[in-house]
Protein backbone atom coordinates (compact mmCIF):
# COMPACT_ATOMS: atom_id res chain seq x y z
CA MET A 1 -84.73 -12.42 25.00
CA ILE A 2 -80.72 -12.75 24.46
CA LYS A 3 -79.40 -11.40 21.57
CA ARG A 4 -76.80 -12.95 19.44
CA SER A 5 -73.77 -11.85 18.34
CA SER A 6 -74.11 -11.78 14.41
CA ARG A 7 -70.31 -11.89 14.11
CA ARG A 8 -68.69 -15.69 14.21
CA PRO A 9 -64.96 -16.23 15.86
CA THR A 10 -63.48 -16.99 12.69
CA ASP A 11 -64.27 -12.97 12.02
CA ARG A 12 -61.34 -12.09 15.03
CA ALA A 13 -59.00 -14.11 12.98
CA PRO A 14 -58.48 -11.52 10.50
CA ALA A 15 -58.25 -9.05 12.93
CA ARG A 16 -55.07 -11.00 14.71
CA ALA A 17 -53.25 -12.07 11.53
CA ARG A 18 -53.87 -8.06 11.25
CA ARG A 19 -52.02 -6.95 14.63
CA ILE A 20 -49.66 -9.44 14.01
CA ALA A 21 -48.61 -8.15 10.94
CA VAL A 22 -47.89 -4.55 12.27
CA ALA A 23 -46.35 -5.74 15.28
CA LEU A 24 -43.87 -8.33 13.72
CA PRO A 25 -41.90 -5.66 12.07
CA LEU A 26 -42.07 -3.54 15.14
CA VAL A 27 -40.53 -5.99 16.98
CA ALA A 28 -37.84 -6.58 14.61
CA LEU A 29 -36.87 -3.27 14.25
CA LEU A 30 -36.63 -2.97 18.44
CA GLY A 31 -34.70 -5.64 17.95
CA TYR A 32 -31.52 -4.69 15.56
CA VAL A 33 -32.38 -1.11 17.18
CA ILE A 34 -31.12 -2.93 20.48
CA TYR A 35 -28.76 -5.48 18.60
CA TRP A 36 -26.98 -2.05 16.91
CA PHE A 37 -26.03 -0.57 19.93
CA ALA A 38 -24.96 -3.32 20.90
CA VAL A 39 -22.42 -3.83 18.97
CA ALA A 40 -21.57 -0.22 18.62
CA GLY A 41 -20.94 -0.55 22.41
CA THR A 42 -18.63 -3.75 21.32
CA VAL A 43 -16.67 -1.78 18.26
CA GLU A 44 -15.67 1.45 21.49
CA ASN A 45 -14.48 -1.84 23.90
CA GLN A 46 -12.26 -3.86 21.40
CA ILE A 47 -10.86 0.10 20.20
CA ASP A 48 -9.91 0.44 23.89
CA ALA A 49 -8.68 -2.94 24.60
CA TRP A 50 -6.47 -2.49 21.66
CA ILE A 51 -5.48 0.93 22.60
CA LYS A 52 -4.08 -0.60 25.95
CA ALA A 53 -2.87 -4.17 24.46
CA GLN A 54 -0.29 -0.79 22.53
CA ARG A 55 0.34 0.86 25.33
CA ASN A 56 1.75 -2.26 27.11
CA ALA A 57 3.66 -3.07 24.04
CA GLY A 58 5.89 0.14 24.64
CA VAL A 59 3.66 2.24 22.64
CA GLU A 60 1.15 5.03 23.36
CA VAL A 61 -2.06 6.02 20.80
CA SER A 62 -3.74 9.14 22.18
CA HIS A 63 -6.54 10.85 20.63
CA GLY A 64 -9.40 13.34 21.07
CA GLY A 65 -12.98 12.55 20.70
CA ILE A 66 -14.94 9.89 19.89
CA ARG A 67 -18.38 9.86 18.18
CA THR A 68 -20.79 6.40 16.77
CA GLY A 69 -22.82 6.44 14.27
CA GLY A 70 -23.72 5.44 10.79
CA PHE A 71 -27.56 3.92 12.10
CA PRO A 72 -28.86 1.70 10.96
CA LEU A 73 -26.62 -0.06 7.83
CA ASN A 74 -22.91 0.57 9.21
CA VAL A 75 -21.34 1.70 12.77
CA GLU A 76 -18.80 4.33 12.03
CA VAL A 77 -16.22 5.08 14.70
CA ARG A 78 -14.58 8.94 14.49
CA ILE A 79 -11.75 9.15 15.78
CA GLN A 80 -10.26 13.08 16.14
CA SER A 81 -6.47 14.38 16.36
CA PRO A 82 -5.06 10.31 16.58
CA SER A 83 -1.44 10.43 17.27
CA ILE A 84 0.84 7.36 17.99
CA SER A 85 4.36 7.70 20.38
CA ARG A 86 6.91 5.29 21.66
CA LEU A 87 7.09 5.28 25.09
CA ALA A 88 10.57 5.79 25.97
CA VAL A 89 10.63 8.24 23.35
CA ASP A 90 9.86 11.67 23.75
CA GLY A 91 7.74 12.76 20.61
CA HIS A 92 5.28 11.64 17.75
CA ILE A 93 6.45 8.58 15.83
CA TRP A 94 3.05 9.15 14.01
CA GLU A 95 -0.32 12.27 13.80
CA GLY A 96 -2.89 12.61 12.01
CA PRO A 97 -6.63 13.61 10.39
CA GLU A 98 -9.46 12.10 11.57
CA ILE A 99 -9.86 8.56 11.12
CA VAL A 100 -13.46 7.55 9.86
CA LEU A 101 -13.51 3.88 10.88
CA TRP A 102 -17.10 2.03 9.74
CA ALA A 103 -18.30 -2.05 9.24
CA ALA A 104 -21.65 -3.58 8.60
CA PRO A 105 -22.87 -4.60 12.26
CA TRP A 106 -22.98 -7.48 10.95
CA SER A 107 -20.06 -8.21 9.20
CA LEU A 108 -17.64 -6.68 12.06
CA ASP A 109 -14.14 -9.04 10.10
CA ARG A 110 -14.25 -6.39 7.23
CA LEU A 111 -13.51 -3.17 8.31
CA HIS A 112 -13.24 -0.03 6.31
CA TRP A 113 -11.39 3.70 6.76
CA ARG A 114 -10.15 6.42 5.07
CA ALA A 115 -8.33 9.23 6.52
CA PRO A 116 -7.60 12.10 3.77
CA GLY A 117 -5.47 14.91 5.11
CA ARG A 118 -2.70 15.46 6.41
CA HIS A 119 -0.25 13.37 8.58
CA ARG A 120 3.03 13.38 9.61
CA SER A 121 5.37 10.57 10.44
CA GLN A 122 9.21 10.54 12.27
CA ASP A 123 11.32 8.13 13.24
CA LEU A 124 12.85 10.55 15.86
CA GLU A 125 16.60 9.12 15.34
CA ARG A 126 16.44 11.18 12.69
CA ALA A 127 15.62 14.74 12.12
CA GLN A 128 13.10 15.38 9.58
CA PRO A 129 10.25 14.10 9.77
CA ILE A 130 7.66 12.47 6.64
CA ILE A 131 4.89 15.32 5.64
CA MET A 132 2.20 14.22 2.95
CA GLU A 133 -1.46 15.94 2.78
CA ALA A 134 -3.20 13.54 0.66
CA MET A 135 -6.78 14.36 -0.64
CA GLY A 136 -8.28 10.49 -0.59
CA LEU A 137 -6.59 8.04 1.30
CA GLU A 138 -9.53 5.19 2.07
CA GLY A 139 -8.96 1.20 2.25
CA TRP A 140 -10.60 -1.73 3.89
CA VAL A 141 -9.27 -4.36 5.76
CA GLU A 142 -10.22 -8.08 6.58
CA ILE A 143 -9.65 -9.38 10.33
CA GLU A 144 -8.87 -13.50 10.96
CA ALA A 145 -8.83 -15.10 14.00
CA GLY A 146 -7.40 -11.30 15.02
CA LYS A 147 -5.14 -10.71 12.50
CA VAL A 148 -4.68 -8.77 9.66
CA ALA A 149 -5.75 -11.07 6.81
CA ARG A 150 -6.16 -8.93 3.50
CA TRP A 151 -6.24 -5.56 2.94
CA GLU A 152 -6.63 -2.60 -0.21
CA ALA A 153 -5.70 0.66 -0.23
CA TRP A 154 -6.55 4.15 -2.43
CA LEU A 155 -4.63 7.07 -2.14
CA ALA A 156 -4.73 9.77 -4.59
CA ASN A 157 -3.83 13.34 -5.29
CA ALA A 158 -1.06 13.66 -2.56
CA GLU A 159 1.81 14.91 -2.15
CA ILE A 160 4.82 13.42 0.14
CA SER A 161 7.42 15.77 1.17
CA LYS A 162 10.54 15.06 3.59
CA LYS A 163 12.59 18.03 3.93
CA ALA A 164 12.68 20.98 1.71
CA GLY A 165 13.50 20.12 -2.46
CA ARG A 166 12.60 16.28 -1.70
CA THR A 167 9.14 15.86 -3.05
CA VAL A 168 6.83 13.35 -4.50
CA THR A 169 3.59 13.51 -6.01
CA VAL A 170 1.17 10.83 -6.90
CA ARG A 171 -2.22 11.57 -9.01
CA GLY A 172 -3.34 8.08 -7.53
CA LEU A 173 -2.20 4.90 -6.01
CA LEU A 174 -3.81 1.60 -5.33
CA THR A 175 -2.68 -1.47 -3.39
CA GLN A 176 -3.08 -4.37 -2.05
CA TYR A 177 -2.12 -7.51 -0.21
CA LEU A 178 -4.81 -10.61 -1.04
CA PRO A 179 -3.11 -13.27 -0.50
CA THR A 180 -4.35 -16.67 -1.03
CA PRO A 181 -4.20 -19.99 0.66
CA GLU A 182 -1.93 -21.45 -1.59
CA ASP A 183 0.78 -18.33 -0.68
CA LEU A 184 0.00 -19.10 2.64
CA ALA A 185 0.95 -22.90 2.38
CA HIS A 186 3.91 -21.54 0.46
CA ASP A 187 7.38 -22.66 1.79
CA PRO A 188 9.33 -20.28 1.78
CA LEU A 189 6.38 -18.16 3.14
CA ARG A 190 5.39 -15.55 0.25
CA LEU A 191 3.07 -12.59 1.10
CA PRO A 192 2.03 -10.88 -2.32
CA LEU A 193 1.64 -7.30 -3.41
CA THR A 194 0.13 -5.00 -5.95
CA ILE A 195 1.14 -1.57 -6.76
CA ASP A 196 -0.35 0.90 -9.18
CA ALA A 197 0.83 4.22 -9.58
CA LYS A 198 -0.47 6.49 -12.35
CA GLY A 199 1.27 10.02 -12.11
CA LEU A 200 4.14 9.47 -9.84
CA ASP A 201 6.36 12.75 -10.26
CA LEU A 202 9.59 12.12 -8.51
CA SER A 203 11.26 15.24 -9.45
CA ALA A 204 12.53 17.83 -7.00
CA GLN A 205 13.28 21.56 -6.78
CA ASP A 206 16.85 21.27 -6.15
CA ALA A 207 17.33 18.27 -8.30
CA PRO A 208 17.62 18.21 -12.18
CA GLU A 209 14.24 16.14 -13.86
CA GLY A 210 14.83 12.38 -14.99
CA PRO A 211 15.85 12.33 -18.49
CA PHE A 212 11.54 12.56 -19.36
CA GLY A 213 10.75 15.00 -17.66
CA GLY A 214 9.82 14.48 -13.45
CA GLU A 215 6.63 12.55 -13.77
CA ILE A 216 6.36 8.35 -14.23
CA ASP A 217 3.10 7.89 -16.83
CA ARG A 218 2.48 4.46 -14.81
CA LEU A 219 4.05 1.50 -12.71
CA THR A 220 2.76 -1.22 -11.89
CA LEU A 221 4.41 -4.02 -9.82
CA ASP A 222 3.03 -7.49 -9.06
CA LEU A 223 5.17 -8.71 -6.21
CA ALA A 224 5.56 -11.27 -4.21
CA LEU A 225 8.07 -11.35 -0.96
CA LEU A 226 9.68 -14.88 -0.01
CA ILE A 227 10.09 -14.55 3.10
CA PRO A 228 12.24 -18.22 4.28
CA PRO A 229 12.80 -19.29 8.24
CA VAL A 230 14.96 -16.70 9.50
CA PRO A 231 16.51 -17.05 13.29
CA PRO A 232 14.29 -15.03 15.92
CA SER A 233 17.14 -13.41 17.08
CA LYS A 234 17.32 -11.50 14.31
CA SER A 235 13.96 -11.55 12.89
CA GLY A 236 12.98 -8.11 14.38
CA VAL A 237 15.94 -5.70 14.33
CA TRP A 238 16.92 -3.92 11.42
CA PRO A 239 19.11 -3.96 9.51
CA ASP A 240 20.11 -7.05 10.67
CA ALA A 241 16.76 -8.68 9.95
CA VAL A 242 17.22 -8.00 6.34
CA HIS A 243 20.71 -9.58 6.38
CA ALA A 244 19.20 -12.61 7.45
CA TRP A 245 16.94 -12.49 5.25
CA ARG A 246 19.47 -12.39 2.50
CA GLU A 247 21.26 -14.90 4.01
CA ALA A 248 18.71 -17.13 4.14
CA GLY A 249 17.60 -16.72 0.87
CA GLY A 250 14.45 -14.27 0.71
CA VAL A 251 13.86 -13.13 -2.63
CA LEU A 252 11.55 -10.14 -3.99
CA GLU A 253 10.01 -11.80 -6.92
CA VAL A 254 8.97 -9.72 -9.58
CA LYS A 255 5.89 -11.47 -11.09
CA SER A 256 4.92 -8.41 -13.40
CA LEU A 257 6.29 -4.99 -13.95
CA GLY A 258 5.24 -2.40 -16.33
CA LEU A 259 6.67 1.00 -16.61
CA THR A 260 5.20 4.04 -18.74
CA TYR A 261 7.40 7.01 -18.99
CA GLY A 262 7.68 9.03 -21.35
CA PRO A 263 8.81 7.00 -24.55
CA LEU A 264 9.98 4.04 -22.54
CA ASN A 265 7.28 1.59 -22.39
CA LEU A 266 8.57 -1.42 -20.55
CA ASN A 267 7.21 -5.17 -19.36
CA GLY A 268 8.74 -7.65 -17.89
CA GLU A 269 9.67 -9.96 -14.73
CA GLY A 270 12.14 -11.56 -12.25
CA THR A 271 13.72 -11.19 -8.90
CA MET A 272 15.01 -9.02 -6.67
CA SER A 273 17.02 -8.97 -3.70
CA VAL A 274 19.83 -6.78 -1.80
CA ASP A 275 23.81 -6.96 -1.70
CA ARG A 276 25.67 -7.27 1.35
CA ASP A 277 25.75 -3.43 1.13
CA GLY A 278 22.13 -2.87 1.14
CA GLN A 279 22.07 -2.11 -2.40
CA PRO A 280 19.25 -3.48 -4.85
CA ILE A 281 20.36 -6.64 -7.32
CA GLY A 282 17.63 -8.19 -9.80
CA ALA A 283 17.31 -9.72 -12.70
CA PHE A 284 14.71 -9.38 -15.25
CA SER A 285 13.61 -10.30 -18.69
CA ALA A 286 12.39 -7.59 -20.50
CA ARG A 287 10.28 -5.96 -23.29
CA ILE A 288 10.97 -3.09 -23.99
CA THR A 289 10.06 -0.26 -26.83
CA GLY A 290 10.78 3.08 -27.22
CA HIS A 291 14.68 2.43 -26.53
CA GLY A 292 16.55 4.25 -29.23
CA GLU A 293 14.48 7.99 -27.56
CA THR A 294 15.20 6.30 -24.10
CA VAL A 295 18.94 6.18 -25.01
CA GLU A 296 19.55 9.53 -26.48
CA ALA A 297 16.92 11.00 -23.31
CA LEU A 298 19.87 9.43 -21.14
CA ARG A 299 22.85 11.14 -23.63
CA ARG A 300 21.20 14.80 -23.09
CA ALA A 301 20.34 14.13 -19.23
CA GLY A 302 24.37 13.30 -18.49
CA ALA A 303 23.51 9.56 -17.09
CA MET A 304 25.07 8.11 -20.64
CA THR A 305 28.41 9.30 -22.11
CA PRO A 306 28.18 10.33 -26.41
CA GLY A 307 30.27 7.47 -26.97
CA ALA A 308 28.74 4.86 -24.61
CA ALA A 309 25.35 5.79 -26.11
CA THR A 310 26.40 5.68 -29.74
CA ALA A 311 27.14 2.08 -29.01
CA ALA A 312 24.03 1.16 -27.43
CA GLN A 313 22.49 2.80 -30.06
CA ILE A 314 24.18 0.60 -32.63
CA ALA A 315 23.85 -1.96 -30.73
CA LEU A 316 20.27 -2.12 -29.60
CA GLY A 317 19.52 -1.79 -32.80
CA LEU A 318 20.65 -4.94 -34.15
CA MET A 319 19.06 -6.62 -31.35
CA ALA A 320 15.56 -4.90 -31.67
CA LYS A 321 13.32 -6.92 -33.75
CA GLY A 322 9.72 -5.70 -35.51
CA PRO A 323 8.44 -4.34 -39.14
CA PRO A 324 10.71 -2.64 -41.61
CA GLY A 325 9.66 1.12 -40.77
CA GLY A 326 7.29 0.17 -37.80
CA PRO A 327 8.47 -0.11 -34.10
CA LYS A 328 11.52 -1.70 -32.79
CA ARG A 329 11.08 -4.55 -29.27
CA LEU A 330 13.70 -5.63 -27.50
CA ASP A 331 13.03 -8.47 -25.65
CA LEU A 332 16.42 -9.26 -23.90
CA PRO A 333 17.58 -9.49 -19.82
CA LEU A 334 17.37 -6.37 -17.93
CA THR A 335 20.65 -6.88 -14.61
CA LEU A 336 20.63 -4.94 -11.48
CA GLN A 337 24.40 -5.47 -10.40
CA ASP A 338 26.36 -3.46 -8.46
CA ARG A 339 24.15 -0.67 -9.20
CA TRP A 340 24.72 -0.53 -12.56
CA VAL A 341 21.73 -1.12 -15.19
CA THR A 342 22.71 -3.32 -17.76
CA LEU A 343 20.63 -4.34 -21.18
CA GLY A 344 21.75 -7.15 -22.85
CA ALA A 345 25.11 -6.36 -22.77
CA VAL A 346 25.13 -3.26 -22.70
CA ARG A 347 25.46 -0.81 -20.24
CA LEU A 348 22.65 1.96 -19.16
CA PHE A 349 23.78 3.94 -16.48
CA ARG A 350 24.48 3.30 -12.80
CA LEU A 351 22.16 4.09 -10.27
CA LYS A 352 23.32 6.50 -6.85
CA PRO A 353 24.14 4.25 -3.20
CA VAL A 354 20.51 3.71 -1.51
CA ASP A 355 22.08 4.61 1.96
CA TRP A 356 18.64 3.05 3.55
CA PHE A 357 21.29 0.77 5.82
CA ARG A 358 22.51 3.50 8.04
CA ARG A 359 20.75 6.05 10.67
CA ASP A 360 22.51 9.58 11.00
CA ALA A 361 21.01 12.78 12.31
CA SER A 362 20.61 14.07 8.26
CA GLY A 363 17.32 12.89 7.89
CA GLY A 364 18.70 11.39 4.29
């Protein structure tokens, strides 16, 4: 007598479902591993292609080892001992510490990076390199259609030196380039830049400190560089490109300026450019508190004569507004012309000339 199985066909369905439930995640995991390695290979190929493109443009990009990792959530590339040099000139124009690049495998258009350590850059037509030691340096960049669309960078606890006695230190610095569609469609082209610096020390070992000491507590700038059409023959030549930009009506729009420096607190907005000699010029609407202490500090530092300081104190005191016995505020135009900084009708002090158009062997 033939026995029939007590298991019905429907009893096998749960077993198949369990096997499928186990197999699907394994298949998905295997597929993701294959996908990750394919993306990592693509990233390495893109880096190689970029290096070759720079070489064709006359720039040599060198490096030590390249390691890829970051699985499973990121594709991470570590580039050791990177340096950049021009093929036509002997010597590096930049060399730095290990650079780490990473991005999500499904979002390679947003690339994160970090490179804390010692950076050395040099214009080989000058004698002195610029050295930067940074405890923290990182940021991100977004790529659209093969071009940089947006970026953000953070710098922490850095010391930047040009030569002995000329050092800048900063506790924190945030820079952002985040254009909107309206900025890019603007005529003339508007390129926005935001800067937020804390603990900025501009003092030098062989130079006197500023009127309130060496450190600026905070400096914030919300800028927009307006770029009118410039003749192509002058668009890439320094300093002709700057002169052409100025003559075409180019300006730097300061949408917001904030400065906290000792007793001085300044907020304002305005525009800046350069004159024929490359000196900065500008006009601002400024709101200032601490002007009395500022003038006195300028007098003690020798930036103002005693007579000029007394006249400024009287004139600014008459223009200041505020409650009796309370803090006084100035709402006045602030101008920079012919290197003179003028508040209202009162000349405060004259800046030293900025000789940034001339290239010489001194590195100055």
